[in-house]
Amino acid sequence: MEINIDSLSEALFWFSIKDTTWPEELEIYIENYPNGKFASLARARINRLRGLRPEQTTLKSLSI
């Protein structure tokens, strides 16, 4: 059985921050994994934590 270290690292990173209340931690995940498996979820959580509704979001509002 082959283990993909990159996927494992990403999953471990995500699980360490998935319940955070700090948008900055989620932004760090996105910086490291901009196309990661959890990137869209991280962006949605950032918006929710900042009180933004989906129709209010743009790339500029995410500051990434």
Protein backbone atom coordinates (compact mmCIF):
# COMPACT_ATOMS: atom_id res chain seq x y z
CA MET A 1 0.00 0.00 0.00
CA GLU A 2 1.46 3.32 -1.12
CA ILE A 3 0.87 6.41 1.00
CA ASN A 4 0.80 9.81 -0.66
CA ILE A 5 2.71 12.04 1.78
CA ASP A 6 1.36 15.26 0.22
CA SER A 7 -2.25 14.15 0.64
CA LEU A 8 -1.57 12.98 4.18
CA SER A 9 0.13 16.28 5.06
CA GLU A 10 -2.78 18.24 3.65
CA ALA A 11 -5.34 16.16 5.55
CA LEU A 12 -3.40 16.49 8.81
CA PHE A 13 -3.13 20.25 8.31
CA TRP A 14 -6.86 20.54 7.59
CA PHE A 15 -7.90 18.45 10.58
CA SER A 16 -5.69 20.57 12.84
CA ILE A 17 -7.56 23.78 11.83
CA LYS A 18 -10.99 22.64 10.64
CA ASP A 19 -12.77 23.85 13.78
CA THR A 20 -10.85 27.09 14.17
CA THR A 21 -12.56 30.40 14.78
CA TRP A 22 -9.59 32.28 13.35
CA PRO A 23 -9.93 33.08 9.60
CA GLU A 24 -6.17 33.63 9.43
CA GLU A 25 -5.52 29.94 10.09
CA LEU A 26 -7.83 28.98 7.24
CA GLU A 27 -6.07 31.48 4.98
CA ILE A 28 -2.75 29.78 5.77
CA TYR A 29 -4.29 26.49 4.64
CA ILE A 30 -5.39 28.13 1.36
CA GLU A 31 -1.93 29.67 0.87
CA ASN A 32 -0.38 26.22 1.21
CA TYR A 33 -3.08 24.31 -0.69
CA PRO A 34 -4.87 26.78 -3.03
CA ASN A 35 -6.40 23.89 -4.99
CA GLY A 36 -6.57 21.50 -2.07
CA LYS A 37 -9.36 19.10 -1.26
CA PHE A 38 -10.67 21.41 1.46
CA ALA A 39 -9.96 24.80 -0.18
CA SER A 40 -13.56 25.59 -1.08
CA LEU A 41 -14.68 24.61 2.40
CA ALA A 42 -11.94 26.78 3.91
CA ARG A 43 -13.07 29.75 1.82
CA ALA A 44 -16.68 29.23 2.88
CA ARG A 45 -15.65 29.05 6.54
CA ILE A 46 -13.62 32.25 6.17
CA ASN A 47 -16.66 34.00 4.74
CA ARG A 48 -18.89 32.70 7.51
CA LEU A 49 -16.44 33.71 10.23
CA ARG A 50 -16.23 37.18 8.72
CA GLY A 51 -20.00 37.41 8.45
CA LEU A 52 -20.10 37.45 4.65
CA ARG A 53 -22.90 35.87 2.65
CA PRO A 54 -21.91 33.96 -0.55
CA GLU A 55 -23.19 36.73 -2.84
CA GLN A 56 -20.90 39.24 -1.07
CA THR A 57 -17.70 37.33 -1.70
CA THR A 58 -15.00 38.14 -4.20
CA LEU A 59 -11.34 37.27 -4.33
CA LYS A 60 -10.57 40.72 -2.93
CA SER A 61 -12.85 40.17 0.07
CA LEU A 62 -10.88 37.02 0.91
CA SER A 63 -7.59 38.94 0.81
CA ILE A 64 -5.70 36.01 -0.70
